[in-house]
Amino acid sequence: MAESMQPSGGAGKILGKIPGAEPSAKIDAWWGLVIFTVLVTAGMVLLRPDPFRRLLVFVSDGIAISIELTVISFILTLVVGLIGGLGRLSKNRIIFGISTVYVEVIRGIPLLVQLLWWYFAMPVVIQSLGRALNYEPLIHYQANGFLMAVLGFVVCYGAYMSEIYRAGIQSIPRGQMEAARSQGMTYIQAMQYVVLPQAIRVILPPLGNEFIALLKDSSLVSVVAVADLTRRSREFMSTNFIPIETWFFTALLYLIMTLLSARVVNFIEHKTRIER
């Protein structure tokens, strides 16, 4: 019976020459959940154009803003996290102290509170500074919701990312750095070409988790005048009075985005994994 399940003759030889098509190749079973969720969502849109097709059209710009906000914030967070992680490993007491205070303070404040501070409190600070300096542009400064949301996410998630980088770098044996320095590399060169490439492979899973968490937390920007998916859904519900259909469909849209992100992260992890 087992033999009858295997490709026979020339077909088996052809398949054996295709990378990833061998009988032992593994297929990520979680793609089935992605496909199922997409089919359910598409079925709702096709079978019930009112309200689901209207809702999809209405929130389409919000979906784009949610994705744009997440991607921009995540890229900047990677940079801030790397700087913070290296600062946490610095032998300079001042740099280490500043990095540590930043991580400990920011991680102790809820993200929603930080977003509200950046959008409502920061402009007041800037306007007060403008009056003190008698500088007209600062006096009339008005906060941009999208930029303040990006700033809030980068500052908050940068603290968590700093600890991820620190843990990843410390997981690399010290002999790697010593070997690189013995070859004449400077500390920066050794970190750039030897330590960090290995650390990135180690921290890929938590980096992927942070991206997915950031995508879900992007819904919080709806409270600071950013027309993301959540805010647009709330506007649709307030004019159509169908909360069950609106929020169930919105949840499916978020689920599709997070499931796709998880599969992409899993694919990258598989491609960068070092066989031992």
Protein backbone atom coordinates (compact mmCIF):
# COMPACT_ATOMS: atom_id res chain seq x y z
CA MET A 1 0.00 0.00 0.00
CA ALA A 2 2.80 2.43 0.94
CA GLU A 3 4.58 1.76 -2.33
CA SER A 4 1.45 2.56 -4.36
CA MET A 5 1.41 6.03 -2.79
CA GLN A 6 4.84 6.95 -4.21
CA PRO A 7 5.36 8.53 -7.69
CA SER A 8 6.33 5.85 -10.17
CA GLY A 9 8.63 5.71 -13.16
CA GLY A 10 9.80 8.87 -14.85
CA ALA A 11 7.44 11.07 -12.84
CA GLY A 12 9.22 10.14 -9.63
CA LYS A 13 12.62 10.91 -11.13
CA ILE A 14 11.44 14.29 -12.38
CA LEU A 15 9.95 15.22 -9.02
CA GLY A 16 13.12 14.15 -7.28
CA LYS A 17 15.09 16.73 -9.26
CA ILE A 18 12.82 19.62 -8.28
CA PRO A 19 14.02 21.38 -5.07
CA GLY A 20 11.36 21.11 -2.40
CA ALA A 21 9.30 18.56 -4.36
CA GLU A 22 10.83 15.50 -2.73
CA PRO A 23 8.37 13.22 -0.90
CA SER A 24 10.01 14.22 2.39
CA ALA A 25 9.56 17.96 1.81
CA LYS A 26 7.38 19.57 4.47
CA ILE A 27 4.54 21.91 3.65
CA ASP A 28 3.49 24.47 6.25
CA ALA A 29 0.09 23.17 7.29
CA TRP A 30 -0.88 26.58 8.67
CA TRP A 31 -1.34 27.83 5.12
CA GLY A 32 -4.57 25.85 5.23
CA LEU A 33 -5.88 28.19 7.93
CA VAL A 34 -4.87 31.20 5.85
CA ILE A 35 -6.70 29.85 2.80
CA PHE A 36 -9.76 28.95 4.87
CA THR A 37 -9.94 32.43 6.41
CA VAL A 38 -9.56 34.10 3.01
CA LEU A 39 -12.28 31.88 1.52
CA VAL A 40 -14.65 32.63 4.40
CA THR A 41 -14.07 36.36 3.99
CA ALA A 42 -14.46 36.20 0.21
CA GLY A 43 -17.63 34.15 0.59
CA MET A 44 -19.14 36.75 2.91
CA VAL A 45 -18.35 39.50 0.40
CA LEU A 46 -19.76 37.57 -2.58
CA LEU A 47 -22.85 36.09 -0.93
CA ARG A 48 -23.81 39.16 1.07
CA PRO A 49 -22.70 42.28 -0.80
CA ASP A 50 -24.78 44.28 1.64
CA PRO A 51 -23.22 44.91 4.09
CA PHE A 52 -19.89 43.09 3.65
CA ARG A 53 -18.91 44.37 0.21
CA ARG A 54 -19.86 47.91 1.22
CA LEU A 55 -17.86 47.47 4.42
CA LEU A 56 -14.80 46.19 2.55
CA VAL A 57 -14.86 49.14 0.17
CA PHE A 58 -15.38 51.55 3.05
CA VAL A 59 -12.44 50.30 5.13
CA SER A 60 -10.03 49.60 2.23
CA ASP A 61 -8.16 52.86 2.81
CA GLY A 62 -7.97 52.01 6.52
CA ILE A 63 -6.36 48.66 5.69
CA ALA A 64 -3.71 50.45 3.64
CA ILE A 65 -3.00 52.90 6.47
CA SER A 66 -2.74 50.08 9.03
CA ILE A 67 -0.21 48.22 6.87
CA GLU A 68 1.76 51.38 6.05
CA LEU A 69 1.87 52.40 9.71
CA THR A 70 3.02 48.94 10.79
CA VAL A 71 5.76 48.59 8.17
CA ILE A 72 7.21 52.09 8.68
CA SER A 73 7.12 51.75 12.47
CA PHE A 74 8.70 48.30 12.39
CA ILE A 75 11.59 49.38 10.14
CA LEU A 76 12.38 52.34 12.39
CA THR A 77 11.95 50.14 15.46
CA LEU A 78 14.63 47.78 14.16
CA VAL A 79 17.07 50.70 14.02
CA VAL A 80 16.15 52.09 17.45
CA GLY A 81 16.21 48.61 18.96
CA LEU A 82 19.69 47.93 17.59
CA ILE A 83 21.00 51.19 19.02
CA GLY A 84 19.34 50.46 22.36
CA GLY A 85 20.60 46.88 22.41
CA LEU A 86 24.17 47.93 21.72
CA GLY A 87 23.82 50.62 24.38
CA ARG A 88 22.73 47.98 26.88
CA LEU A 89 25.94 46.08 26.13
CA SER A 90 28.19 49.14 26.18
CA LYS A 91 31.01 49.33 28.71
CA ASN A 92 30.55 53.07 28.84
CA ARG A 93 28.57 53.68 32.03
CA ILE A 94 26.81 56.77 30.66
CA ILE A 95 25.61 55.04 27.47
CA PHE A 96 24.65 51.95 29.44
CA GLY A 97 22.77 54.06 31.99
CA ILE A 98 20.81 56.05 29.39
CA SER A 99 19.88 52.87 27.49
CA THR A 100 18.81 51.09 30.66
CA VAL A 101 16.67 53.99 31.88
CA TYR A 102 15.03 54.23 28.45
CA VAL A 103 14.18 50.52 28.38
CA GLU A 104 12.92 50.32 31.95
CA VAL A 105 10.82 53.50 31.82
CA ILE A 106 9.21 52.95 28.43
CA ARG A 107 8.38 49.30 29.13
CA GLY A 108 6.59 50.39 32.31
CA ILE A 109 4.09 52.68 30.53
CA PRO A 110 1.13 51.25 28.57
CA LEU A 111 1.30 51.80 24.81
CA LEU A 112 -2.11 53.49 24.70
CA VAL A 113 -1.00 56.04 27.31
CA GLN A 114 2.15 56.74 25.30
CA LEU A 115 0.16 57.30 22.09
CA LEU A 116 -2.16 59.67 23.90
CA TRP A 117 0.83 61.56 25.35
CA TRP A 118 2.53 61.98 22.00
CA TYR A 119 -0.65 63.19 20.28
CA PHE A 120 -2.19 65.42 22.98
CA ALA A 121 0.63 66.40 25.35
CA MET A 122 3.65 66.69 23.05
CA PRO A 123 2.11 69.48 20.90
CA VAL A 124 1.48 71.52 24.07
CA VAL A 125 5.14 71.12 25.02
CA ILE A 126 6.25 72.22 21.56
CA GLN A 127 3.88 75.21 21.58
CA SER A 128 5.14 76.27 25.03
CA LEU A 129 8.71 76.04 23.76
CA GLY A 130 7.74 78.15 20.77
CA ARG A 131 6.28 80.86 23.00
CA ALA A 132 9.40 80.81 25.17
CA LEU A 133 11.60 81.23 22.08
CA ASN A 134 9.09 83.52 20.35
CA TYR A 135 9.29 81.24 17.30
CA GLU A 136 6.07 81.43 15.29
CA PRO A 137 6.10 77.97 13.60
CA LEU A 138 6.38 76.23 16.98
CA ILE A 139 3.71 78.41 18.56
CA HIS A 140 1.15 77.25 15.97
CA TYR A 141 2.35 73.66 15.78
CA GLN A 142 -0.41 71.07 15.22
CA ALA A 143 0.19 67.36 15.69
CA ASN A 144 0.03 65.03 12.71
CA GLY A 145 -1.79 61.90 13.88
CA PHE A 146 0.07 59.49 11.61
CA LEU A 147 3.54 60.82 12.47
CA MET A 148 2.76 60.91 16.19
CA ALA A 149 1.48 57.32 15.98
CA VAL A 150 4.70 56.22 14.26
CA LEU A 151 6.77 58.05 16.87
CA GLY A 152 4.81 56.46 19.70
CA PHE A 153 5.21 52.95 18.27
CA VAL A 154 8.92 53.39 17.57
CA VAL A 155 9.67 54.69 21.06
CA CYS A 156 7.60 51.98 22.76
CA TYR A 157 8.54 48.97 20.66
CA GLY A 158 12.15 50.17 20.44
CA ALA A 159 12.50 49.45 24.17
CA TYR A 160 11.29 45.87 23.75
CA MET A 161 13.39 45.44 20.62
CA SER A 162 16.48 46.61 22.52
CA GLU A 163 16.15 43.67 24.89
CA ILE A 164 15.66 41.27 21.99
CA TYR A 165 18.84 42.50 20.32
CA ARG A 166 20.74 42.38 23.62
CA ALA A 167 19.69 38.80 24.31
CA GLY A 168 20.49 37.75 20.73
CA ILE A 169 23.98 39.28 20.78
CA GLN A 170 24.75 37.78 24.19
CA SER A 171 23.72 34.34 22.90
CA ILE A 172 26.66 34.37 20.46
CA PRO A 173 29.80 32.81 22.01
CA ARG A 174 32.40 35.39 23.02
CA GLY A 175 34.94 33.45 21.04
CA GLN A 176 33.36 34.77 17.84
CA MET A 177 34.18 38.35 18.78
CA GLU A 178 37.65 37.40 19.99
CA ALA A 179 38.38 35.51 16.77
CA ALA A 180 37.26 38.47 14.67
CA ARG A 181 39.38 40.89 16.70
CA SER A 182 42.38 38.58 16.37
CA GLN A 183 42.03 38.90 12.58
CA GLY A 184 42.55 42.65 12.82
CA MET A 185 38.90 43.75 12.80
CA THR A 186 37.77 46.68 14.89
CA TYR A 187 34.95 46.22 17.40
CA ILE A 188 32.44 47.77 14.98
CA GLN A 189 33.63 45.60 12.07
CA ALA A 190 33.49 42.44 14.18
CA MET A 191 29.99 43.31 15.35
CA GLN A 192 28.83 44.15 11.81
CA TYR A 193 30.32 41.21 9.92
CA VAL A 194 30.54 38.43 12.51
CA VAL A 195 28.33 38.83 15.57
CA LEU A 196 25.21 40.59 14.24
CA PRO A 197 24.63 38.26 11.24
CA GLN A 198 24.59 35.32 13.65
CA ALA A 199 22.46 37.16 16.21
CA ILE A 200 19.86 38.06 13.58
CA ARG A 201 19.22 34.37 12.92
CA VAL A 202 18.70 33.82 16.63
CA ILE A 203 16.27 36.70 17.11
CA LEU A 204 14.18 36.17 13.97
CA PRO A 205 11.33 34.38 15.83
CA PRO A 206 10.87 37.15 18.44
CA LEU A 207 11.26 39.79 15.71
CA GLY A 208 8.40 38.12 13.83
CA ASN A 209 6.30 38.09 16.98
CA GLU A 210 6.99 41.78 17.51
CA PHE A 211 5.86 42.58 13.96
CA ILE A 212 2.60 40.70 14.45
CA ALA A 213 2.04 42.36 17.84
CA LEU A 214 2.72 45.75 16.26
CA LEU A 215 0.22 45.02 13.48
CA LYS A 216 -2.48 44.22 16.04
CA ASP A 217 -1.56 47.17 18.27
CA SER A 218 -1.92 49.48 15.27
CA SER A 219 -5.64 49.38 16.06
CA LEU A 220 -4.89 51.64 19.05
CA VAL A 221 -4.13 54.59 16.78
CA SER A 222 -7.85 54.92 16.14
CA VAL A 223 -7.98 56.98 19.36
CA VAL A 224 -5.54 59.59 18.03
CA ALA A 225 -7.35 60.60 14.84
CA VAL A 226 -5.68 58.12 12.48
CA ALA A 227 -8.13 56.60 10.00
CA ASP A 228 -6.87 53.04 10.27
CA LEU A 229 -8.91 49.87 9.83
CA THR A 230 -10.40 50.01 13.32
CA ARG A 231 -11.42 53.66 13.09
CA ARG A 232 -12.97 53.20 9.66
CA SER A 233 -14.89 50.17 10.92
CA ARG A 234 -16.16 52.20 13.85
CA GLU A 235 -17.32 54.94 11.48
CA PHE A 236 -19.13 52.36 9.34
CA MET A 237 -20.83 50.87 12.38
CA SER A 238 -21.94 54.26 13.68
CA THR A 239 -23.78 55.00 10.43
CA ASN A 240 -25.19 51.52 9.74
CA PHE A 241 -25.86 50.23 13.28
CA ILE A 242 -24.75 46.64 12.59
CA PRO A 243 -22.07 45.96 15.24
CA ILE A 244 -22.00 42.15 14.92
CA GLU A 245 -21.38 42.09 11.16
CA THR A 246 -18.96 45.03 11.28
CA TRP A 247 -16.66 43.75 14.02
CA PHE A 248 -16.79 40.12 12.93
CA PHE A 249 -15.69 41.12 9.43
CA THR A 250 -13.04 43.49 10.81
CA ALA A 251 -11.68 40.70 13.00
CA LEU A 252 -11.39 38.47 9.92
CA LEU A 253 -9.45 41.17 8.08
CA TYR A 254 -7.00 41.51 10.96
CA LEU A 255 -6.74 37.72 11.17
CA ILE A 256 -5.84 37.46 7.49
CA MET A 257 -3.09 40.07 7.87
CA THR A 258 -1.61 38.47 10.98
CA LEU A 259 -1.76 34.93 9.57
CA LEU A 260 -0.04 36.04 6.36
CA SER A 261 2.61 37.86 8.39
CA ALA A 262 3.22 34.75 10.47
CA ARG A 263 3.65 32.59 7.36
CA VAL A 264 6.11 35.08 5.83
CA VAL A 265 8.13 35.14 9.06
CA ASN A 266 8.11 31.34 9.16
CA PHE A 267 9.35 31.22 5.55
CA ILE A 268 12.19 33.63 6.32
CA GLU A 269 13.16 31.60 9.39
CA HIS A 270 13.26 28.43 7.32
CA LYS A 271 15.43 30.04 4.63
CA THR A 272 17.92 31.49 7.10
CA ARG A 273 18.11 28.49 9.43
CA ILE A 274 21.55 26.99 9.85
CA GLU A 275 21.56 23.21 9.75
CA ARG A 276 23.43 21.69 12.67
